[in-house]
Protein backbone atom coordinates (compact mmCIF):
# COMPACT_ATOMS: atom_id res chain seq x y z
CA UNK A 1 0.36 0.15 -0.38
CA UNK A 2 2.68 2.36 0.64
CA UNK A 3 5.71 1.06 -2.05
CA UNK A 4 5.33 4.54 -3.66
CA UNK A 5 5.65 6.01 -0.92
CA UNK A 6 8.47 3.75 0.46
CA UNK A 7 10.41 4.08 -2.69
CA UNK A 8 10.90 8.36 -2.30
CA UNK A 9 14.11 10.39 -2.64
CA UNK A 10 15.58 7.08 -3.37
CA UNK A 11 14.34 5.29 -0.24
CA UNK A 12 15.77 7.54 2.16
CA UNK A 13 12.67 8.81 3.72
CA UNK A 14 10.91 9.24 7.46
CA UNK A 15 8.34 5.89 6.97
CA UNK A 16 11.27 4.18 5.45
CA UNK A 17 13.26 4.73 8.87
CA UNK A 18 10.26 3.56 10.59
CA UNK A 19 9.29 0.40 8.64
CA UNK A 20 13.25 -0.42 8.77
CA UNK A 21 13.13 -0.24 12.73
CA UNK A 22 9.99 -1.55 12.78
CA UNK A 23 12.09 -5.28 11.26
CA UNK A 24 14.90 -4.78 13.63
CA UNK A 25 12.83 -4.20 16.84
CA UNK A 26 12.11 -8.04 16.01
CA UNK A 27 16.03 -9.15 15.73
CA UNK A 28 16.61 -6.54 18.99
CA UNK A 29 13.89 -8.85 21.07
CA UNK A 30 15.07 -12.06 22.33
CA UNK A 31 12.71 -14.47 20.18
CA UNK A 32 12.11 -17.99 19.89
CA UNK A 33 13.98 -19.81 16.74
CA UNK A 34 10.78 -20.26 14.81
CA UNK A 35 9.39 -16.81 15.04
CA UNK A 36 13.25 -15.56 13.85
CA UNK A 37 12.84 -18.07 10.91
CA UNK A 38 9.53 -15.52 9.88
CA UNK A 39 11.38 -12.41 10.36
CA UNK A 40 14.51 -13.22 8.24
CA UNK A 41 11.96 -14.24 5.43
CA UNK A 42 10.61 -10.74 5.91
CA UNK A 43 14.08 -9.39 5.76
CA UNK A 44 14.66 -11.50 2.61
CA UNK A 45 11.31 -9.64 0.45
CA UNK A 46 12.22 -6.20 2.24
CA UNK A 47 16.24 -5.79 1.38
CA UNK A 48 14.71 -7.96 -2.23
CA UNK A 49 12.38 -4.97 -2.52
CA UNK A 50 14.32 -2.25 -1.82
CA UNK A 51 17.50 -2.00 -2.26
CA UNK A 52 18.40 1.43 -3.03
CA UNK A 53 17.65 1.32 0.82
CA UNK A 54 20.64 0.11 1.39
CA UNK A 55 23.09 0.09 -0.64
CA UNK A 56 22.38 3.78 -1.50
CA UNK A 57 23.20 7.59 0.17
CA UNK A 58 23.43 6.84 3.53
CA UNK A 59 24.85 3.70 5.05
CA UNK A 60 22.57 3.70 8.18
CA UNK A 61 20.19 1.22 7.87
CA UNK A 62 23.38 -0.63 6.00
CA UNK A 63 25.27 -0.74 9.24
CA UNK A 64 22.19 -1.52 11.65
CA UNK A 65 20.93 -4.46 9.55
CA UNK A 66 25.08 -5.73 9.27
CA UNK A 67 24.79 -5.92 12.63
CA UNK A 68 22.07 -7.31 14.08
CA UNK A 69 22.37 -9.97 11.43
CA UNK A 70 26.49 -10.82 12.92
CA UNK A 71 24.47 -10.63 16.31
CA UNK A 72 22.64 -13.43 15.05
CA UNK A 73 25.37 -15.82 13.74
CA UNK A 74 26.59 -16.04 16.99
CA UNK A 75 22.96 -17.54 17.81
CA UNK A 76 22.93 -20.25 20.51
CA UNK A 77 20.17 -22.11 18.02
CA UNK A 78 22.47 -23.78 15.11
CA UNK A 79 19.41 -23.14 12.55
CA UNK A 80 19.05 -19.62 13.69
CA UNK A 81 22.98 -19.42 12.76
CA UNK A 82 22.78 -21.09 9.34
CA UNK A 83 19.47 -18.63 8.54
CA UNK A 84 21.50 -15.56 9.43
CA UNK A 85 24.14 -16.78 7.74
CA UNK A 86 22.16 -17.20 4.45
CA UNK A 87 20.44 -13.49 5.00
CA UNK A 88 23.85 -12.51 5.18
CA UNK A 89 24.73 -13.80 1.97
CA UNK A 90 22.11 -12.94 0.08
CA UNK A 91 22.28 -9.46 1.77
CA UNK A 92 25.74 -9.48 0.17
CA UNK A 93 24.52 -11.03 -3.59
CA UNK A 94 21.90 -8.28 -3.61
CA UNK A 95 24.69 -5.52 -3.16
CA UNK A 96 26.75 -7.00 -5.74
CA UNK A 97 23.98 -7.11 -8.33
CA UNK A 98 22.94 -3.60 -7.19
CA UNK A 99 26.00 -2.66 -7.82
CA UNK A 100 25.84 -4.30 -11.57
CA UNK A 101 27.86 -7.58 -10.41
CA UNK A 102 31.36 -4.28 -9.74
CA UNK A 103 32.06 -4.90 -6.18
CA UNK A 104 30.93 -5.59 -2.43
CA UNK A 105 32.25 -2.21 -1.34
CA UNK A 106 29.20 -1.31 0.71
CA UNK A 107 28.23 -4.40 2.61
CA UNK A 108 32.14 -4.94 2.76
CA UNK A 109 33.23 -1.28 4.71
CA UNK A 110 29.98 -1.79 7.15
CA UNK A 111 30.03 -6.08 8.31
CA UNK A 112 33.97 -5.39 9.24
CA UNK A 113 32.79 -1.78 11.03
CA UNK A 114 29.83 -3.99 12.44
CA UNK A 115 32.02 -6.96 13.83
CA UNK A 116 34.74 -4.53 15.41
CA UNK A 117 31.59 -2.86 17.48
CA UNK A 118 30.53 -6.57 18.27
CA UNK A 119 33.62 -7.22 19.28
CA UNK A 120 33.23 -4.81 22.41
CA UNK A 121 29.50 -4.79 23.07
CA UNK A 122 28.80 -8.70 22.27
CA UNK A 123 32.15 -10.89 22.41
CA UNK A 124 31.61 -12.67 19.61
CA UNK A 125 34.56 -14.54 17.38
CA UNK A 126 33.86 -18.24 19.46
CA UNK A 127 33.31 -21.60 17.66
CA UNK A 128 29.94 -20.36 16.82
CA UNK A 129 30.25 -17.23 14.74
CA UNK A 130 33.34 -19.40 12.92
CA UNK A 131 31.14 -21.74 11.85
CA UNK A 132 28.83 -19.38 10.23
CA UNK A 133 31.50 -17.61 8.31
CA UNK A 134 32.23 -21.19 7.17
CA UNK A 135 28.47 -21.38 5.55
CA UNK A 136 28.89 -17.85 4.17
CA UNK A 137 31.92 -19.34 2.22
CA UNK A 138 30.35 -22.68 1.09
CA UNK A 139 27.55 -20.41 -0.33
CA UNK A 140 29.98 -18.63 -2.57
CA UNK A 141 31.53 -21.86 -3.91
CA UNK A 142 28.10 -23.63 -4.21
CA UNK A 143 26.36 -20.64 -6.00
CA UNK A 144 26.63 -21.51 -9.55
CA UNK A 145 25.15 -18.24 -11.23
CA UNK A 146 27.92 -16.78 -9.69
CA UNK A 147 31.23 -19.01 -10.90
CA UNK A 148 31.73 -16.66 -13.55
CA UNK A 149 31.81 -12.94 -11.56
CA UNK A 150 34.32 -12.22 -8.93
CA UNK A 151 31.83 -12.18 -6.44
CA UNK A 152 33.08 -15.27 -4.72
CA UNK A 153 36.49 -13.73 -4.39
CA UNK A 154 34.63 -10.74 -2.72
CA UNK A 155 32.69 -13.10 -0.24
CA UNK A 156 36.21 -14.94 0.52
CA UNK A 157 38.24 -12.16 1.31
CA UNK A 158 35.73 -10.43 3.65
CA UNK A 159 35.34 -13.37 5.38
CA UNK A 160 39.31 -13.21 5.64
CA UNK A 161 39.47 -9.86 7.54
CA UNK A 162 36.86 -10.43 10.47
CA UNK A 163 38.60 -13.54 11.01
CA UNK A 164 42.13 -11.47 11.13
CA UNK A 165 40.08 -9.05 12.99
CA UNK A 166 38.75 -11.79 15.17
CA UNK A 167 42.63 -12.62 15.70
CA UNK A 168 44.15 -9.63 16.27
CA UNK A 169 40.97 -8.59 19.12
CA UNK A 170 41.92 -12.23 20.29
CA UNK A 171 45.73 -10.66 21.04
CA UNK A 172 44.11 -8.04 22.29
CA UNK A 173 42.53 -9.65 25.02
CA UNK A 174 45.77 -11.74 26.33
CA UNK A 175 47.17 -7.88 26.27
CA UNK A 176 45.10 -5.77 28.19
CA UNK A 177 47.22 -5.34 30.82
CA UNK A 178 50.07 -4.38 28.48
CA UNK A 179 48.79 -1.40 27.48
CA UNK A 180 52.23 -1.01 25.29
CA UNK A 181 51.39 -3.84 23.09
CA UNK A 182 47.70 -3.31 23.37
CA UNK A 183 48.16 -0.24 21.91
CA UNK A 184 50.58 -1.31 18.87
CA UNK A 185 48.28 -4.45 18.45
CA UNK A 186 45.73 -1.36 17.41
CA UNK A 187 48.07 0.44 15.40
CA UNK A 188 48.43 -2.48 13.16
CA UNK A 189 45.27 -3.07 12.51
CA UNK A 190 44.71 0.63 12.05
CA UNK A 191 47.46 0.70 9.60
CA UNK A 192 45.30 -2.72 7.63
CA UNK A 193 42.89 -0.34 7.52
CA UNK A 194 45.06 2.48 5.55
CA UNK A 195 43.06 2.20 1.97
CA UNK A 196 39.41 2.35 3.98
CA UNK A 197 39.10 5.67 6.23
CA UNK A 198 36.48 4.52 8.00
CA UNK A 199 37.35 1.67 9.42
CA UNK A 200 40.97 3.40 10.32
CA UNK A 201 38.89 6.16 12.00
CA UNK A 202 36.96 3.36 14.20
CA UNK A 203 41.02 1.59 14.79
CA UNK A 204 42.29 5.09 15.83
CA UNK A 205 38.99 5.80 18.32
CA UNK A 206 40.00 2.97 19.85
CA UNK A 207 43.35 3.59 20.48
CA UNK A 208 42.67 7.27 21.55
CA UNK A 209 40.25 5.80 24.54
CA UNK A 210 43.06 3.30 25.66
CA UNK A 211 45.41 6.22 25.65
CA UNK A 212 43.23 8.08 27.64
CA UNK A 213 42.77 5.70 29.87
CA UNK A 214 46.31 4.98 30.99
CA UNK A 215 46.68 8.67 30.98
CA UNK A 216 48.64 9.28 28.20
CA UNK A 217 46.70 12.03 27.02
CA UNK A 218 49.01 13.55 24.57
CA UNK A 219 48.59 9.67 22.33
CA UNK A 220 45.47 10.31 22.92
CA UNK A 221 45.47 13.74 21.41
CA UNK A 222 48.03 12.36 18.30
CA UNK A 223 45.31 9.86 17.50
CA UNK A 224 42.44 12.66 17.33
CA UNK A 225 44.78 14.70 15.22
CA UNK A 226 45.21 11.37 13.02
CA UNK A 227 41.40 11.36 12.82
CA UNK A 228 41.13 14.58 11.78
CA UNK A 229 43.76 14.60 9.15
CA UNK A 230 41.84 11.57 7.71
CA UNK A 231 38.25 13.44 8.32
CA UNK A 232 40.21 16.79 6.25
CA UNK A 233 41.84 14.59 3.45
CA UNK A 234 38.59 13.13 2.40
CA UNK A 235 36.59 16.43 2.66
CA UNK A 236 38.96 17.87 0.09
CA UNK A 237 38.82 14.69 -2.32
CA UNK A 238 35.16 14.66 -2.46
CA UNK A 239 35.06 19.23 -2.79
């Protein structure tokens, strides 16, 4: 009934945000595995019908969805893990199709960002989450329609990067009592995203917090100056 209103301004409108937030509520409140199955089916329809809400304009909706689905990839129930992994694979595939089979750069960026946030919020990264990453890779390997394009390679690269972030974070946990070592690991992680300013900024902010917590205020200031320089460079390029 409201398709026309939802599609206004390339799906970047107040009504779209309300409908999307309602969908997200179902993932934010604990549900049974049976209910979640229907929520995932509804989200597949939603993404299929309104791809520009996620892959064009502001990245807020894309980021929120990635965060909530990744949380479900760490779910206790195996069936929910599988459903969440399938939805995530479908989401990346839609991104690839929306970009005329060029790349999944937006979902890649938002997923890595969501992983970085979830490590702090929900402590993901154990065997359940690794199992979900394996399921996504299996989907990529077995997708016959995508055999002759670079989509499976992009999916593999993304899951590999997620594992790198998880490994680095596990090392950070080991060294949380050693501030210099901890910051060193944060720094190498920030450098590995030199080509992705948004993620580099996420890790630099994390570094600044550690420095401030340890009373190393000039080091924290250096991190913030670095972030300001990144944003200035980006704005200059954008004109």
